């Protein structure tokens, strides 16, 4: 699989933001912008998996460095 490149705080924030956006999708059924709330799937999935494809492309990692 992919190498984890997200810290615990990063992952928790992504899951919270993703869930909040998905809740907005269901709470506001008549809003014209509600389909944009489905973008919440992206941070939710990357937070659960622990890997962000954009971070990989940019060479970013928020994981703490393991010292040996």
N, C-alpha and C. Protein backbone atom coordinates (compact mmCIF):
# COMPACT_ATOMS: atom_id res chain seq x y z
N UNK A 1 0.83 -1.18 0.00
CA UNK A 1 0.00 0.00 0.00
C UNK A 1 0.88 1.25 0.00
N UNK A 2 0.23 2.35 0.30
CA UNK A 2 0.92 3.63 0.34
C UNK A 2 1.53 3.87 1.71
N UNK A 3 2.59 4.65 1.73
CA UNK A 3 3.25 5.02 2.97
C UNK A 3 2.43 6.09 3.69
N UNK A 4 2.26 5.95 4.99
CA UNK A 4 1.51 6.93 5.77
C UNK A 4 2.26 8.25 5.78
N UNK A 5 1.58 9.34 5.44
CA UNK A 5 2.23 10.65 5.43
C UNK A 5 1.42 11.70 6.18
N UNK A 6 0.54 11.26 7.08
CA UNK A 6 -0.28 12.16 7.87
C UNK A 6 -0.09 11.86 9.35
N UNK A 7 0.05 12.93 10.15
CA UNK A 7 0.16 12.75 11.59
C UNK A 7 -1.21 12.43 12.17
N UNK A 8 -1.23 12.06 13.43
CA UNK A 8 -2.49 11.73 14.09
C UNK A 8 -3.42 12.94 14.11
N UNK A 9 -2.88 14.11 14.43
CA UNK A 9 -3.71 15.33 14.47
C UNK A 9 -4.27 15.62 13.08
N UNK A 10 -3.45 15.50 12.07
CA UNK A 10 -3.88 15.72 10.68
C UNK A 10 -5.01 14.78 10.31
N UNK A 11 -4.87 13.52 10.69
CA UNK A 11 -5.88 12.52 10.36
C UNK A 11 -7.19 12.81 11.08
N UNK A 12 -7.13 13.16 12.36
CA UNK A 12 -8.34 13.46 13.14
C UNK A 12 -9.06 14.67 12.54
N UNK A 13 -8.30 15.72 12.22
CA UNK A 13 -8.91 16.91 11.62
C UNK A 13 -9.58 16.59 10.29
N UNK A 14 -8.95 15.77 9.47
CA UNK A 14 -9.53 15.40 8.18
C UNK A 14 -10.84 14.62 8.36
N UNK A 15 -10.86 13.71 9.31
CA UNK A 15 -12.07 12.92 9.55
C UNK A 15 -13.18 13.82 10.07
N UNK A 16 -12.87 14.73 10.98
CA UNK A 16 -13.88 15.63 11.53
C UNK A 16 -14.45 16.54 10.44
N UNK A 17 -13.56 17.14 9.63
CA UNK A 17 -14.02 18.02 8.55
C UNK A 17 -14.84 17.24 7.53
N UNK A 18 -14.37 16.06 7.17
CA UNK A 18 -15.10 15.23 6.21
C UNK A 18 -16.49 14.86 6.71
N UNK A 19 -16.57 14.47 7.97
CA UNK A 19 -17.88 14.12 8.54
C UNK A 19 -18.79 15.34 8.62
N UNK A 20 -18.23 16.50 8.98
CA UNK A 20 -19.04 17.72 9.07
C UNK A 20 -19.63 18.07 7.70
N UNK A 21 -18.83 17.95 6.66
CA UNK A 21 -19.33 18.25 5.32
C UNK A 21 -20.41 17.25 4.88
N UNK A 22 -20.21 16.00 5.21
CA UNK A 22 -21.22 14.99 4.85
C UNK A 22 -22.50 15.17 5.65
N UNK A 23 -22.39 15.58 6.89
CA UNK A 23 -23.59 15.87 7.69
C UNK A 23 -24.34 17.03 7.05
N UNK A 24 -23.60 18.06 6.60
CA UNK A 24 -24.24 19.20 5.94
C UNK A 24 -25.00 18.76 4.69
N UNK A 25 -24.48 17.77 3.99
CA UNK A 25 -25.14 17.25 2.80
C UNK A 25 -26.53 16.73 3.14
N UNK A 26 -26.65 16.03 4.27
CA UNK A 26 -27.93 15.44 4.64
C UNK A 26 -28.84 16.39 5.42
N UNK A 27 -28.26 17.35 6.12
CA UNK A 27 -29.05 18.28 6.93
C UNK A 27 -29.75 19.33 6.08
N UNK A 28 -29.13 19.72 4.97
CA UNK A 28 -29.68 20.75 4.10
C UNK A 28 -30.09 20.15 2.75
N UNK A 29 -31.17 19.37 2.70
CA UNK A 29 -31.55 18.68 1.48
C UNK A 29 -32.02 19.60 0.35
N UNK A 30 -32.47 20.82 0.67
CA UNK A 30 -32.98 21.72 -0.37
C UNK A 30 -31.96 22.75 -0.82
N UNK A 31 -30.77 22.75 -0.23
CA UNK A 31 -29.75 23.75 -0.58
C UNK A 31 -29.15 23.42 -1.95
N UNK A 32 -28.95 24.44 -2.76
CA UNK A 32 -28.38 24.25 -4.08
C UNK A 32 -26.91 23.84 -4.03
N UNK A 33 -26.23 24.20 -2.96
CA UNK A 33 -24.81 23.92 -2.82
C UNK A 33 -24.55 22.56 -2.16
N UNK A 34 -25.59 21.86 -1.78
CA UNK A 34 -25.40 20.63 -0.99
C UNK A 34 -24.52 19.60 -1.69
N UNK A 35 -24.52 19.58 -3.01
CA UNK A 35 -23.69 18.61 -3.73
C UNK A 35 -22.21 18.89 -3.54
N UNK A 36 -21.87 20.14 -3.27
CA UNK A 36 -20.47 20.47 -3.00
C UNK A 36 -20.01 19.86 -1.68
N UNK A 37 -20.94 19.59 -0.79
CA UNK A 37 -20.59 18.99 0.49
C UNK A 37 -20.05 17.57 0.34
N UNK A 38 -20.32 16.95 -0.80
CA UNK A 38 -19.79 15.59 -1.04
C UNK A 38 -18.28 15.57 -1.15
N UNK A 39 -17.66 16.75 -1.31
CA UNK A 39 -16.20 16.82 -1.31
C UNK A 39 -15.66 16.34 0.04
N UNK A 40 -16.54 16.28 1.05
CA UNK A 40 -16.15 15.78 2.36
C UNK A 40 -15.69 14.34 2.34
N UNK A 41 -16.02 13.61 1.28
CA UNK A 41 -15.53 12.23 1.15
C UNK A 41 -14.01 12.18 1.03
N UNK A 42 -13.43 13.19 0.40
CA UNK A 42 -11.98 13.20 0.18
C UNK A 42 -11.21 13.28 1.51
N UNK A 43 -11.47 14.29 2.36
CA UNK A 43 -10.72 14.30 3.62
C UNK A 43 -11.08 13.13 4.53
N UNK A 44 -12.32 12.67 4.45
CA UNK A 44 -12.72 11.53 5.28
C UNK A 44 -11.91 10.29 4.90
N UNK A 45 -11.84 9.98 3.63
CA UNK A 45 -11.12 8.79 3.18
C UNK A 45 -9.62 8.92 3.43
N UNK A 46 -9.04 10.09 3.12
CA UNK A 46 -7.60 10.24 3.34
C UNK A 46 -7.27 10.21 4.83
N UNK A 47 -8.18 10.71 5.66
CA UNK A 47 -7.95 10.65 7.10
C UNK A 47 -8.03 9.24 7.64
N UNK A 48 -8.93 8.45 7.11
CA UNK A 48 -9.06 7.06 7.55
C UNK A 48 -7.87 6.24 7.08
N UNK A 49 -7.46 6.43 5.83
CA UNK A 49 -6.37 5.66 5.26
C UNK A 49 -5.01 6.12 5.80
N UNK A 50 -4.86 7.43 6.04
CA UNK A 50 -3.60 7.96 6.56
C UNK A 50 -2.63 8.39 5.49
N UNK A 51 -3.07 8.40 4.25
CA UNK A 51 -2.22 8.78 3.13
C UNK A 51 -2.93 9.82 2.29
N UNK A 52 -2.22 10.91 1.98
CA UNK A 52 -2.77 11.96 1.13
C UNK A 52 -2.00 11.97 -0.19
N UNK A 53 -2.67 11.70 -1.31
CA UNK A 53 -1.98 11.70 -2.60
C UNK A 53 -1.34 13.06 -2.93
N UNK A 54 -1.99 14.15 -2.54
CA UNK A 54 -1.42 15.47 -2.80
C UNK A 54 -0.13 15.67 -2.01
N UNK A 55 -0.10 15.19 -0.77
CA UNK A 55 1.12 15.26 0.03
C UNK A 55 2.24 14.48 -0.66
N UNK A 56 1.90 13.31 -1.22
CA UNK A 56 2.92 12.51 -1.91
C UNK A 56 3.49 13.27 -3.11
N UNK A 57 2.61 13.89 -3.89
CA UNK A 57 3.07 14.64 -5.06
C UNK A 57 3.98 15.81 -4.68
N UNK A 58 3.66 16.46 -3.56
CA UNK A 58 4.42 17.63 -3.13
C UNK A 58 5.58 17.28 -2.20
N UNK A 59 5.71 16.01 -1.83
CA UNK A 59 6.80 15.58 -0.96
C UNK A 59 6.63 16.03 0.47
N UNK A 60 5.38 16.19 0.92
CA UNK A 60 5.08 16.65 2.27
C UNK A 60 4.73 15.45 3.15
N UNK A 61 5.14 15.51 4.40
CA UNK A 61 4.74 14.52 5.38
C UNK A 61 4.57 15.20 6.72
N UNK A 62 3.44 14.99 7.37
CA UNK A 62 3.23 15.56 8.70
C UNK A 62 3.47 14.52 9.78
N UNK A 63 3.93 13.33 9.40
CA UNK A 63 4.25 12.31 10.37
C UNK A 63 5.49 12.73 11.15
N UNK A 64 5.51 12.41 12.43
CA UNK A 64 6.72 12.71 13.20
C UNK A 64 7.88 11.84 12.73
N UNK A 65 9.05 12.40 12.75
CA UNK A 65 10.25 11.68 12.31
C UNK A 65 10.63 10.66 13.39
N UNK A 66 10.83 9.43 12.95
CA UNK A 66 11.23 8.38 13.88
C UNK A 66 12.75 8.46 14.04
N UNK A 67 13.18 8.58 15.28
CA UNK A 67 14.62 8.67 15.56
C UNK A 67 15.10 7.30 16.02
N UNK A 68 16.23 6.89 15.50
CA UNK A 68 16.74 5.57 15.89
C UNK A 68 18.04 5.70 16.62
